[in-house]
Amino acid sequence: MIRLPRLVSLAGAMLLACAYASSAHATVTATDDTGATVALAAPAQRVISLAPHVTELIYAAGGGAKLVGAVSYSDYPPEAKQVPRVGDNKALDLERIVALKPDLIVVWRHGNAQAQLERLRELHIPLFFSEPHQLDDVAVTLTRLGTLLGTSGTADAAASAYRQDIAQLRSRYASRPPVSVFYQVWDQPLMTLNGTHMISDVITLCGGRNVFAKLAPLAPTVSTEAILAANPEAIVTASAGATKPDAPLPQLEKWRAWPSLKAVARNNLFAIDGDLIDRPAPRIAQGARQLCEDLEVARSRRPASEE
């Protein structure tokens, strides 16, 4: 006959064993930007980033120490420059990626070469696809990465701070008199961004209007004639490494050949640090602030008849 104390002890041991078995098979899950569920047996410990903006997101979410590989141009924060390289967004070093033994790879859905992504799928390494389109998607991604990395405390705090920055900008600028904007991605050929891109969301946040928002491709090619017809009040582009370049950017200065263009006539040709405006990561709040300030300058240059 088993005495009661021993029976209680055995029951307790069985409960502990069951709890251990349950935790051993527990998973952490998050939904990526394709709508797929990414499940890991435990928080990721060896992570590879396949886009510069992804590297920034991982560091902001508290997972920088877990990064074992990243692509070229992953240069923020500064310590990211020391992470081993696994190629760039167009040409990945698959052998290097396999050798690093990642338990999670975070990829850029439309920025990485699709054929190589299929090769990665064949390796059965968990993939989290990142493709933020709206400003709040940055905060959502931070929290999801925090779950997968086991760093939810840091990630949630970063997401909250980012949302607060965006809310302050929206409160200050979104209802200001609208400014029509042509955002120039490239000049040969002329390329812009449509209304589904995050930069268009930034333009709206600042009280601007993307003159090519309704075009179908994400990054459509446009003609000079189309831009002259749209007659934007401001032309904005990204600069490399400095918000206010020391020398005028050629891709902006060429518009001075059309002095009747409203943006030219009012000197509303603006350049913003590409790392701040092009990467869908927390620093886009800084890029948004700069764009909002530029559009406010454009408003101040309106003739009295338009005020």
C-alpha atoms as a PDB file:
ATOM      1  CA  MET A   1       0.000   0.000   0.000  1.00  0.00           C
ATOM      2  CA  ILE A   2       1.415   3.405  -1.062  1.00  0.00           C
ATOM      3  CA  ARG A   3       1.329   5.961   1.709  1.00  0.00           C
ATOM      4  CA  LEU A   4      -0.357   9.328   0.976  1.00  0.00           C
ATOM      5  CA  PRO A   5       2.817  11.451   1.216  1.00  0.00           C
ATOM      6  CA  ARG A   6       4.584   9.177  -1.264  1.00  0.00           C
ATOM      7  CA  LEU A   7       1.550   9.243  -3.592  1.00  0.00           C
ATOM      8  CA  VAL A   8       1.559  13.042  -3.513  1.00  0.00           C
ATOM      9  CA  SER A   9       5.273  13.016  -4.208  1.00  0.00           C
ATOM     10  CA  LEU A  10       4.848  10.685  -7.201  1.00  0.00           C
ATOM     11  CA  ALA A  11       2.004  12.795  -8.550  1.00  0.00           C
ATOM     12  CA  GLY A  12       4.158  15.896  -8.256  1.00  0.00           C
ATOM     13  CA  ALA A  13       7.003  14.196 -10.088  1.00  0.00           C
ATOM     14  CA  MET A  14       4.674  13.128 -12.875  1.00  0.00           C
ATOM     15  CA  LEU A  15       3.367  16.682 -13.237  1.00  0.00           C
ATOM     16  CA  LEU A  16       6.924  18.007 -13.429  1.00  0.00           C
ATOM     17  CA  ALA A  17       7.792  15.393 -16.035  1.00  0.00           C
ATOM     18  CA  CYS A  18       4.750  16.300 -18.082  1.00  0.00           C
ATOM     19  CA  ALA A  19       5.575  19.984 -17.820  1.00  0.00           C
ATOM     20  CA  TYR A  20       9.149  19.327 -18.956  1.00  0.00           C
ATOM     21  CA  ALA A  21       7.963  17.208 -21.867  1.00  0.00           C
ATOM     22  CA  SER A  22       5.508  19.927 -22.851  1.00  0.00           C
ATOM     23  CA  SER A  23       8.149  22.665 -22.714  1.00  0.00           C
ATOM     24  CA  ALA A  24      10.559  20.493 -24.702  1.00  0.00           C
ATOM     25  CA  HIS A  25       8.038  20.432 -27.543  1.00  0.00           C
ATOM     26  CA  ALA A  26       6.832  24.008 -27.109  1.00  0.00           C
ATOM     27  CA  THR A  27       7.214  26.310 -30.097  1.00  0.00           C
ATOM     28  CA  VAL A  28       7.405  30.018 -30.662  1.00  0.00           C
ATOM     29  CA  THR A  29       5.406  31.215 -33.630  1.00  0.00           C
ATOM     30  CA  ALA A  30       4.938  34.417 -35.590  1.00  0.00           C
ATOM     31  CA  THR A  31       3.220  35.377 -38.837  1.00  0.00           C
ATOM     32  CA  ASP A  32       5.447  36.821 -41.548  1.00  0.00           C
ATOM     33  CA  ASP A  33       4.540  39.287 -44.290  1.00  0.00           C
ATOM     34  CA  THR A  34       3.369  36.551 -46.655  1.00  0.00           C
ATOM     35  CA  GLY A  35       0.800  35.473 -44.063  1.00  0.00           C
ATOM     36  CA  ALA A  36       2.708  32.259 -43.331  1.00  0.00           C
ATOM     37  CA  THR A  37       3.261  31.023 -39.795  1.00  0.00           C
ATOM     38  CA  VAL A  38       6.896  30.603 -38.825  1.00  0.00           C
ATOM     39  CA  ALA A  39       7.328  28.093 -35.988  1.00  0.00           C
ATOM     40  CA  LEU A  40      10.524  27.398 -34.077  1.00  0.00           C
ATOM     41  CA  ALA A  41      11.103  24.742 -31.447  1.00  0.00           C
ATOM     42  CA  ALA A  42      12.773  27.414 -29.307  1.00  0.00           C
ATOM     43  CA  PRO A  43      13.759  31.068 -29.714  1.00  0.00           C
ATOM     44  CA  ALA A  44      16.276  31.463 -32.537  1.00  0.00           C
ATOM     45  CA  GLN A  45      19.943  31.570 -31.534  1.00  0.00           C
ATOM     46  CA  ARG A  46      21.667  31.736 -34.934  1.00  0.00           C
ATOM     47  CA  VAL A  47      20.040  34.219 -37.305  1.00  0.00           C
ATOM     48  CA  ILE A  48      20.928  35.387 -40.801  1.00  0.00           C
ATOM     49  CA  SER A  49      19.637  38.643 -42.287  1.00  0.00           C
ATOM     50  CA  LEU A  50      19.263  38.940 -46.053  1.00  0.00           C
ATOM     51  CA  ALA A  51      18.552  42.690 -46.265  1.00  0.00           C
ATOM     52  CA  PRO A  52      20.011  45.818 -44.631  1.00  0.00           C
ATOM     53  CA  HIS A  53      16.622  46.894 -43.286  1.00  0.00           C
ATOM     54  CA  VAL A  54      16.177  43.424 -41.771  1.00  0.00           C
ATOM     55  CA  THR A  55      19.514  43.768 -39.989  1.00  0.00           C
ATOM     56  CA  GLU A  56      18.336  47.050 -38.469  1.00  0.00           C
ATOM     57  CA  LEU A  57      15.065  45.457 -37.386  1.00  0.00           C
ATOM     58  CA  ILE A  58      16.838  42.528 -35.729  1.00  0.00           C
ATOM     59  CA  TYR A  59      19.130  44.813 -33.754  1.00  0.00           C
ATOM     60  CA  ALA A  60      16.229  47.048 -32.738  1.00  0.00           C
ATOM     61  CA  ALA A  61      14.299  43.955 -31.604  1.00  0.00           C
ATOM     62  CA  GLY A  62      17.176  42.968 -29.319  1.00  0.00           C
ATOM     63  CA  GLY A  63      18.600  40.153 -31.440  1.00  0.00           C
ATOM     64  CA  GLY A  64      21.874  41.650 -32.606  1.00  0.00           C
ATOM     65  CA  ALA A  65      23.982  39.215 -30.596  1.00  0.00           C
ATOM     66  CA  LYS A  66      22.262  36.341 -32.401  1.00  0.00           C
ATOM     67  CA  LEU A  67      23.172  37.525 -35.904  1.00  0.00           C
ATOM     68  CA  VAL A  68      25.704  35.166 -37.477  1.00  0.00           C
ATOM     69  CA  GLY A  69      25.405  36.442 -41.055  1.00  0.00           C
ATOM     70  CA  ALA A  70      24.159  39.427 -43.046  1.00  0.00           C
ATOM     71  CA  VAL A  71      24.260  40.784 -46.583  1.00  0.00           C
ATOM     72  CA  SER A  72      26.310  43.697 -47.887  1.00  0.00           C
ATOM     73  CA  TYR A  73      25.309  47.217 -46.824  1.00  0.00           C
ATOM     74  CA  SER A  74      24.140  45.956 -43.436  1.00  0.00           C
ATOM     75  CA  ASP A  75      25.859  48.887 -41.770  1.00  0.00           C
ATOM     76  CA  TYR A  76      23.547  49.998 -38.968  1.00  0.00           C
ATOM     77  CA  PRO A  77      24.016  49.970 -36.072  1.00  0.00           C
ATOM     78  CA  PRO A  78      27.825  50.228 -36.416  1.00  0.00           C
ATOM     79  CA  GLU A  79      28.397  46.799 -34.869  1.00  0.00           C
ATOM     80  CA  ALA A  80      26.472  45.276 -37.775  1.00  0.00           C
ATOM     81  CA  LYS A  81      29.520  45.957 -39.966  1.00  0.00           C
ATOM     82  CA  GLN A  82      31.349  43.189 -38.093  1.00  0.00           C
ATOM     83  CA  VAL A  83      28.775  40.489 -38.882  1.00  0.00           C
ATOM     84  CA  PRO A  84      30.077  37.950 -41.465  1.00  0.00           C
ATOM     85  CA  ARG A  85      28.798  38.594 -45.002  1.00  0.00           C
ATOM     86  CA  VAL A  86      26.748  36.080 -46.959  1.00  0.00           C
ATOM     87  CA  GLY A  87      26.555  37.918 -50.284  1.00  0.00           C
ATOM     88  CA  ASP A  88      24.181  40.705 -51.268  1.00  0.00           C
ATOM     89  CA  ASN A  89      20.467  40.917 -51.962  1.00  0.00           C
ATOM     90  CA  LYS A  90      20.955  39.771 -55.569  1.00  0.00           C
ATOM     91  CA  ALA A  91      23.604  37.078 -55.143  1.00  0.00           C
ATOM     92  CA  LEU A  92      23.644  35.022 -51.960  1.00  0.00           C
ATOM     93  CA  ASP A  93      26.504  32.776 -50.857  1.00  0.00           C
ATOM     94  CA  LEU A  94      24.425  29.673 -50.208  1.00  0.00           C
ATOM     95  CA  GLU A  95      27.399  27.578 -49.117  1.00  0.00           C
ATOM     96  CA  ARG A  96      28.362  30.196 -46.547  1.00  0.00           C
ATOM     97  CA  ILE A  97      24.778  30.390 -45.315  1.00  0.00           C
ATOM     98  CA  VAL A  98      24.627  26.613 -44.793  1.00  0.00           C
ATOM     99  CA  ALA A  99      28.023  26.576 -43.071  1.00  0.00           C
ATOM    100  CA  LEU A 100      26.807  29.144 -40.520  1.00  0.00           C
ATOM    101  CA  LYS A 101      24.077  26.692 -39.405  1.00  0.00           C
ATOM    102  CA  PRO A 102      21.260  29.225 -38.934  1.00  0.00           C
ATOM    103  CA  ASP A 103      18.067  28.300 -37.160  1.00  0.00           C
ATOM    104  CA  LEU A 104      16.247  31.297 -38.695  1.00  0.00           C
ATOM    105  CA  ILE A 105      16.763  33.300 -41.890  1.00  0.00           C
ATOM    106  CA  VAL A 106      14.964  36.621 -42.330  1.00  0.00           C
ATOM    107  CA  VAL A 107      14.569  37.467 -46.009  1.00  0.00           C
ATOM    108  CA  TRP A 108      13.334  40.405 -48.053  1.00  0.00           C
ATOM    109  CA  ARG A 109      10.369  39.083 -49.975  1.00  0.00           C
ATOM    110  CA  HIS A 110      10.857  41.052 -53.195  1.00  0.00           C
ATOM    111  CA  GLY A 111      14.450  42.134 -52.789  1.00  0.00           C
ATOM    112  CA  ASN A 112      16.188  38.760 -52.716  1.00  0.00           C
ATOM    113  CA  ALA A 113      16.660  36.632 -55.832  1.00  0.00           C
ATOM    114  CA  GLN A 114      13.672  34.301 -56.077  1.00  0.00           C
ATOM    115  CA  ALA A 115      15.640  31.345 -57.439  1.00  0.00           C
ATOM    116  CA  GLN A 116      17.988  31.468 -54.475  1.00  0.00           C
ATOM    117  CA  LEU A 117      15.091  31.769 -52.055  1.00  0.00           C
ATOM    118  CA  GLU A 118      13.739  28.545 -53.486  1.00  0.00           C
ATOM    119  CA  ARG A 119      17.109  26.920 -52.821  1.00  0.00           C
ATOM    120  CA  LEU A 120      16.892  28.102 -49.225  1.00  0.00           C
ATOM    121  CA  ARG A 121      13.423  26.587 -48.917  1.00  0.00           C
ATOM    122  CA  GLU A 122      14.870  23.260 -49.999  1.00  0.00           C
ATOM    123  CA  LEU A 123      17.258  23.375 -47.036  1.00  0.00           C
ATOM    124  CA  HIS A 124      14.268  23.397 -44.643  1.00  0.00           C
ATOM    125  CA  ILE A 125      15.683  26.258 -42.614  1.00  0.00           C
ATOM    126  CA  PRO A 126      12.839  28.394 -41.188  1.00  0.00           C
ATOM    127  CA  LEU A 127      12.347  31.537 -43.282  1.00  0.00           C
ATOM    128  CA  PHE A 128      10.642  34.730 -42.104  1.00  0.00           C
ATOM    129  CA  PHE A 129       9.664  36.965 -45.024  1.00  0.00           C
ATOM    130  CA  SER A 130       9.828  40.722 -44.460  1.00  0.00           C
ATOM    131  CA  GLU A 131       8.007  43.125 -46.787  1.00  0.00           C
ATOM    132  CA  PRO A 132       6.636  46.109 -44.813  1.00  0.00           C
ATOM    133  CA  HIS A 133       4.363  48.454 -46.800  1.00  0.00           C
ATOM    134  CA  GLN A 134       2.814  50.726 -44.181  1.00  0.00           C
ATOM    135  CA  LEU A 135       4.577  52.660 -41.455  1.00  0.00           C
ATOM    136  CA  ASP A 136       2.982  50.617 -38.679  1.00  0.00           C
ATOM    137  CA  ASP A 137       4.291  47.422 -40.291  1.00  0.00           C
ATOM    138  CA  VAL A 138       7.711  48.310 -38.840  1.00  0.00           C
ATOM    139  CA  ALA A 139       6.335  48.106 -35.296  1.00  0.00           C
ATOM    140  CA  VAL A 140       4.444  44.899 -36.086  1.00  0.00           C
ATOM    141  CA  THR A 141       7.595  43.301 -37.477  1.00  0.00           C
ATOM    142  CA  LEU A 142       9.582  44.300 -34.395  1.00  0.00           C
ATOM    143  CA  THR A 143       7.143  42.515 -32.103  1.00  0.00           C
ATOM    144  CA  ARG A 144       7.036  39.417 -34.314  1.00  0.00           C
ATOM    145  CA  LEU A 145      10.816  39.202 -34.487  1.00  0.00           C
ATOM    146  CA  GLY A 146      10.952  39.678 -30.728  1.00  0.00           C
ATOM    147  CA  THR A 147       8.778  36.600 -30.344  1.00  0.00           C
ATOM    148  CA  LEU A 148      10.982  34.477 -32.597  1.00  0.00           C
ATOM    149  CA  LEU A 149      14.180  35.745 -30.996  1.00  0.00           C
ATOM    150  CA  GLY A 150      12.989  35.476 -27.414  1.00  0.00           C
ATOM    151  CA  THR A 151      13.554  39.218 -26.920  1.00  0.00           C
ATOM    152  CA  SER A 152       9.977  40.441 -26.660  1.00  0.00           C
ATOM    153  CA  GLY A 153      10.725  42.936 -23.888  1.00  0.00           C
ATOM    154  CA  THR A 154      13.220  44.863 -25.994  1.00  0.00           C
ATOM    155  CA  ALA A 155      11.229  44.485 -29.195  1.00  0.00           C
ATOM    156  CA  ASP A 156       7.959  45.671 -27.655  1.00  0.00           C
ATOM    157  CA  ALA A 157       9.672  48.713 -26.147  1.00  0.00           C
ATOM    158  CA  ALA A 158      11.223  49.585 -29.509  1.00  0.00           C
ATOM    159  CA  ALA A 159       7.873  49.163 -31.257  1.00  0.00           C
ATOM    160  CA  SER A 160       6.169  51.430 -28.720  1.00  0.00           C
ATOM    161  CA  ALA A 161       8.806  54.158 -29.061  1.00  0.00           C
ATOM    162  CA  TYR A 162       8.595  53.993 -32.847  1.00  0.00           C
ATOM    163  CA  ARG A 163       4.794  54.221 -32.832  1.00  0.00           C
ATOM    164  CA  GLN A 164       4.982  57.254 -30.562  1.00  0.00           C
ATOM    165  CA  ASP A 165       7.380  59.008 -32.957  1.00  0.00           C
ATOM    166  CA  ILE A 166       5.107  58.320 -35.920  1.00  0.00           C
ATOM    167  CA  ALA A 167       1.996  59.424 -34.002  1.00  0.00           C
ATOM    168  CA  GLN A 168       3.618  62.749 -33.126  1.00  0.00           C
ATOM    169  CA  LEU A 169       4.505  63.401 -36.761  1.00  0.00           C
ATOM    170  CA  ARG A 170       1.020  62.431 -37.926  1.00  0.00           C
ATOM    171  CA  SER A 171      -0.584  64.731 -35.374  1.00  0.00           C
ATOM    172  CA  ARG A 172       1.580  67.652 -36.460  1.00  0.00           C
ATOM    173  CA  TYR A 173       1.689  67.304 -40.236  1.00  0.00           C
ATOM    174  CA  ALA A 174      -0.953  64.978 -41.712  1.00  0.00           C
ATOM    175  CA  SER A 175      -3.683  67.625 -41.791  1.00  0.00           C
ATOM    176  CA  ARG A 176      -1.507  70.413 -43.160  1.00  0.00           C
ATOM    177  CA  PRO A 177      -2.389  71.821 -46.608  1.00  0.00           C
ATOM    178  CA  PRO A 178      -1.460  69.101 -49.113  1.00  0.00           C
ATOM    179  CA  VAL A 179       1.723  69.273 -51.182  1.00  0.00           C
ATOM    180  CA  SER A 180       1.920  67.313 -54.439  1.00  0.00           C
ATOM    181  CA  VAL A 181       5.121  65.246 -54.511  1.00  0.00           C
ATOM    182  CA  PHE A 182       7.115  63.380 -57.127  1.00  0.00           C
ATOM    183  CA  TYR A 183       9.445  60.915 -55.402  1.00  0.00           C
ATOM    184  CA  GLN A 184      12.318  60.095 -57.736  1.00  0.00           C
ATOM    185  CA  VAL A 185      13.900  56.698 -57.212  1.00  0.00           C
ATOM    186  CA  TRP A 186      16.147  56.723 -60.276  1.00  0.00           C
ATOM    187  CA  ASP A 187      16.836  59.028 -63.175  1.00  0.00           C
ATOM    188  CA  GLN A 188      17.912  56.707 -66.014  1.00  0.00           C
ATOM    189  CA  PRO A 189      15.255  55.525 -66.550  1.00  0.00           C
ATOM    190  CA  LEU A 190      13.015  57.762 -64.500  1.00  0.00           C
ATOM    191  CA  MET A 191      11.441  55.662 -61.763  1.00  0.00           C
ATOM    192  CA  THR A 192       9.124  56.435 -58.883  1.00  0.00           C
ATOM    193  CA  LEU A 193       7.022  54.562 -56.286  1.00  0.00           C
ATOM    194  CA  ASN A 194       3.302  53.923 -56.233  1.00  0.00           C
ATOM    195  CA  GLY A 195       0.848  54.307 -53.390  1.00  0.00           C
ATOM    196  CA  THR A 196       1.467  50.859 -51.879  1.00  0.00           C
ATOM    197  CA  HIS A 197       5.103  51.604 -51.038  1.00  0.00           C
ATOM    198  CA  MET A 198       6.012  52.729 -47.520  1.00  0.00           C
ATOM    199  CA  ILE A 199       7.558  55.963 -48.806  1.00  0.00           C
ATOM    200  CA  SER A 200       4.142  56.913 -50.176  1.00  0.00           C
ATOM    201  CA  ASP A 201       2.782  56.334 -46.680  1.00  0.00           C
ATOM    202  CA  VAL A 202       5.476  58.700 -45.381  1.00  0.00           C
ATOM    203  CA  ILE A 203       4.424  61.323 -47.940  1.00  0.00           C
ATOM    204  CA  THR A 204       0.821  61.031 -46.729  1.00  0.00           C
ATOM    205  CA  LEU A 205       1.941  61.244 -43.103  1.00  0.00           C
ATOM    206  CA  CYS A 206       3.563  64.584 -43.918  1.00  0.00           C
ATOM    207  CA  GLY A 207       0.468  65.978 -45.563  1.00  0.00           C
ATOM    208  CA  GLY A 208       1.792  65.271 -49.035  1.00  0.00           C
ATOM    209  CA  ARG A 209       0.214  63.632 -52.082  1.00  0.00           C
ATOM    210  CA  ASN A 210       2.125  61.157 -54.234  1.00  0.00           C
ATOM    211  CA  VAL A 211       1.334  62.237 -57.798  1.00  0.00           C
ATOM    212  CA  PHE A 212       1.916  58.697 -59.109  1.00  0.00           C
ATOM    213  CA  ALA A 213       0.189  56.790 -56.306  1.00  0.00           C
ATOM    214  CA  LYS A 214      -2.327  55.147 -58.643  1.00  0.00           C
ATOM    215  CA  LEU A 215       0.165  53.521 -61.022  1.00  0.00           C
ATOM    216  CA  ALA A 216       0.114  49.720 -60.944  1.00  0.00           C
ATOM    217  CA  PRO A 217       3.765  48.609 -60.510  1.00  0.00           C
ATOM    218  CA  LEU A 218       5.378  49.137 -57.120  1.00  0.00           C
ATOM    219  CA  ALA A 219       8.258  51.026 -58.770  1.00  0.00           C
ATOM    220  CA  PRO A 220       6.910  52.268 -62.114  1.00  0.00           C
ATOM    221  CA  THR A 221       8.914  53.883 -64.878  1.00  0.00           C
ATOM    222  CA  VAL A 222       7.565  57.306 -65.845  1.00  0.00           C
ATOM    223  CA  SER A 223       8.328  59.810 -68.570  1.00  0.00           C
ATOM    224  CA  THR A 224       9.508  63.384 -68.300  1.00  0.00           C
ATOM    225  CA  GLU A 225       6.285  64.390 -70.035  1.00  0.00           C
ATOM    226  CA  ALA A 226       4.218  62.659 -67.329  1.00  0.00           C
ATOM    227  CA  ILE A 227       6.077  64.557 -64.617  1.00  0.00           C
ATOM    228  CA  LEU A 228       5.652  67.868 -66.410  1.00  0.00           C
ATOM    229  CA  ALA A 229       1.937  67.107 -66.751  1.00  0.00           C
ATOM    230  CA  ALA A 230       1.632  66.242 -63.047  1.00  0.00           C
ATOM    231  CA  ASN A 231       3.531  69.472 -62.217  1.00  0.00           C
ATOM    232  CA  PRO A 232       4.433  68.486 -58.615  1.00  0.00           C
ATOM    233  CA  GLU A 233       5.015  71.184 -56.040  1.00  0.00           C
ATOM    234  CA  ALA A 234       8.005  69.268 -54.661  1.00  0.00           C
ATOM    235  CA  ILE A 235      10.469  66.732 -56.052  1.00  0.00           C
ATOM    236  CA  VAL A 236      12.150  64.470 -53.512  1.00  0.00           C
ATOM    237  CA  THR A 237      14.914  61.909 -53.900  1.00  0.00           C
ATOM    238  CA  ALA A 238      17.265  59.920 -51.703  1.00  0.00           C
ATOM    239  CA  SER A 239      20.883  60.916 -51.258  1.00  0.00           C
ATOM    240  CA  ALA A 240      23.737  58.649 -50.231  1.00  0.00           C
ATOM    241  CA  GLY A 241      24.886  59.197 -46.685  1.00  0.00           C
ATOM    242  CA  ALA A 242      23.805  62.771 -45.997  1.00  0.00           C
ATOM    243  CA  THR A 243      20.444  64.380 -45.549  1.00  0.00           C
ATOM    244  CA  LYS A 244      21.704  67.711 -46.842  1.00  0.00           C
ATOM    245  CA  PRO A 245      24.365  66.996 -49.484  1.00  0.00           C
ATOM    246  CA  ASP A 246      27.223  69.481 -49.757  1.00  0.00           C
ATOM    247  CA  ALA A 247      26.802  69.617 -53.543  1.00  0.00           C
ATOM    248  CA  PRO A 248      23.543  69.643 -55.512  1.00  0.00           C
ATOM    249  CA  LEU A 249      22.478  66.205 -56.678  1.00  0.00           C
ATOM    250  CA  PRO A 250      22.597  65.849 -60.473  1.00  0.00           C
ATOM    251  CA  GLN A 251      19.304  63.938 -60.546  1.00  0.00           C
ATOM    252  CA  LEU A 252      17.613  66.961 -58.963  1.00  0.00           C
ATOM    253  CA  GLU A 253      19.545  69.696 -60.711  1.00  0.00           C
ATOM    254  CA  LYS A 254      18.571  68.387 -64.151  1.00  0.00           C
ATOM    255  CA  TRP A 255      14.992  69.493 -63.459  1.00  0.00           C
ATOM    256  CA  ARG A 256      16.146  73.112 -63.653  1.00  0.00           C
ATOM    257  CA  ALA A 257      15.977  72.662 -67.411  1.00  0.00           C
ATOM    258  CA  TRP A 258      12.195  73.074 -66.932  1.00  0.00           C
ATOM    259  CA  PRO A 259      11.914  76.360 -64.992  1.00  0.00           C
ATOM    260  CA  SER A 260       8.133  76.425 -65.356  1.00  0.00           C
ATOM    261  CA  LEU A 261       7.833  73.220 -63.319  1.00  0.00           C
ATOM    262  CA  LYS A 262       6.329  74.273 -60.002  1.00  0.00           C
ATOM    263  CA  ALA A 263       8.913  72.420 -57.910  1.00  0.00           C
ATOM    264  CA  VAL A 264      11.710  74.145 -59.823  1.00  0.00           C
ATOM    265  CA  ALA A 265      10.149  77.600 -59.844  1.00  0.00           C
ATOM    266  CA  ARG A 266       9.856  77.445 -56.047  1.00  0.00           C
ATOM    267  CA  ASN A 267      13.174  75.660 -55.470  1.00  0.00           C
ATOM    268  CA  ASN A 268      11.446  72.714 -53.844  1.00  0.00           C
ATOM    269  CA  LEU A 269      14.047  70.096 -54.803  1.00  0.00           C
ATOM    270  CA  PHE A 270      14.801  68.016 -51.706  1.00  0.00           C
ATOM    271  CA  ALA A 271      17.232  65.199 -50.924  1.00  0.00           C
ATOM    272  CA  ILE A 272      16.932  62.926 -47.879  1.00  0.00           C
ATOM    273  CA  ASP A 273      19.451  60.420 -46.562  1.00  0.00           C
ATOM    274  CA  GLY A 274      18.533  57.192 -48.334  1.00  0.00           C
ATOM    275  CA  ASP A 275      19.354  55.059 -45.294  1.00  0.00           C
ATOM    276  CA  LEU A 276      16.654  56.931 -43.374  1.00  0.00           C
ATOM    277  CA  ILE A 277      13.918  57.072 -45.981  1.00  0.00           C
ATOM    278  CA  ASP A 278      14.448  53.932 -48.097  1.00  0.00           C
ATOM    279  CA  ARG A 279      14.831  51.282 -45.395  1.00  0.00           C
ATOM    280  CA  PRO A 280      11.578  50.097 -43.759  1.00  0.00           C
ATOM    281  CA  ALA A 281      13.109  50.014 -40.280  1.00  0.00           C
ATOM    282  CA  PRO A 282      12.769  52.205 -37.157  1.00  0.00           C
ATOM    283  CA  ARG A 283      15.007  54.966 -38.554  1.00  0.00           C
ATOM    284  CA  ILE A 284      12.368  55.714 -41.171  1.00  0.00           C
ATOM    285  CA  ALA A 285      10.776  57.853 -38.455  1.00  0.00           C
ATOM    286  CA  GLN A 286      13.832  60.129 -38.776  1.00  0.00           C
ATOM    287  CA  GLY A 287      13.508  60.183 -42.550  1.00  0.00           C
ATOM    288  CA  ALA A 288       9.809  60.980 -42.207  1.00  0.00           C
ATOM    289  CA  ARG A 289      10.583  63.900 -39.918  1.00  0.00           C
ATOM    290  CA  GLN A 290      12.993  65.321 -42.492  1.00  0.00           C
ATOM    291  CA  LEU A 291      10.484  64.919 -45.310  1.00  0.00           C
ATOM    292  CA  CYS A 292       7.770  66.581 -43.219  1.00  0.00           C
ATOM    293  CA  GLU A 293      10.090  69.521 -42.558  1.00  0.00           C
ATOM    294  CA  ASP A 294      10.907  69.782 -46.272  1.00  0.00           C
ATOM    295  CA  LEU A 295       7.234  69.833 -47.232  1.00  0.00           C
ATOM    296  CA  GLU A 296       6.663  72.516 -44.630  1.00  0.00           C
ATOM    297  CA  VAL A 297       9.352  74.554 -46.394  1.00  0.00           C
ATOM    298  CA  ALA A 298       7.469  74.007 -49.650  1.00  0.00           C
ATOM    299  CA  ARG A 299       4.307  75.380 -48.027  1.00  0.00           C
ATOM    300  CA  SER A 300       6.196  78.448 -46.849  1.00  0.00           C
ATOM    301  CA  ARG A 301       7.286  79.188 -50.427  1.00  0.00           C
ATOM    302  CA  ARG A 302       3.767  79.395 -51.829  1.00  0.00           C
ATOM    303  CA  PRO A 303       2.664  82.709 -53.250  1.00  0.00           C
ATOM    304  CA  ALA A 304       0.100  84.593 -51.199  1.00  0.00           C
ATOM    305  CA  SER A 305      -2.605  83.732 -53.714  1.00  0.00           C
ATOM    306  CA  GLU A 306      -2.357  80.034 -52.762  1.00  0.00           C
ATOM    307  CA  GLU A 307      -2.259  80.428 -48.991  1.00  0.00           C
END
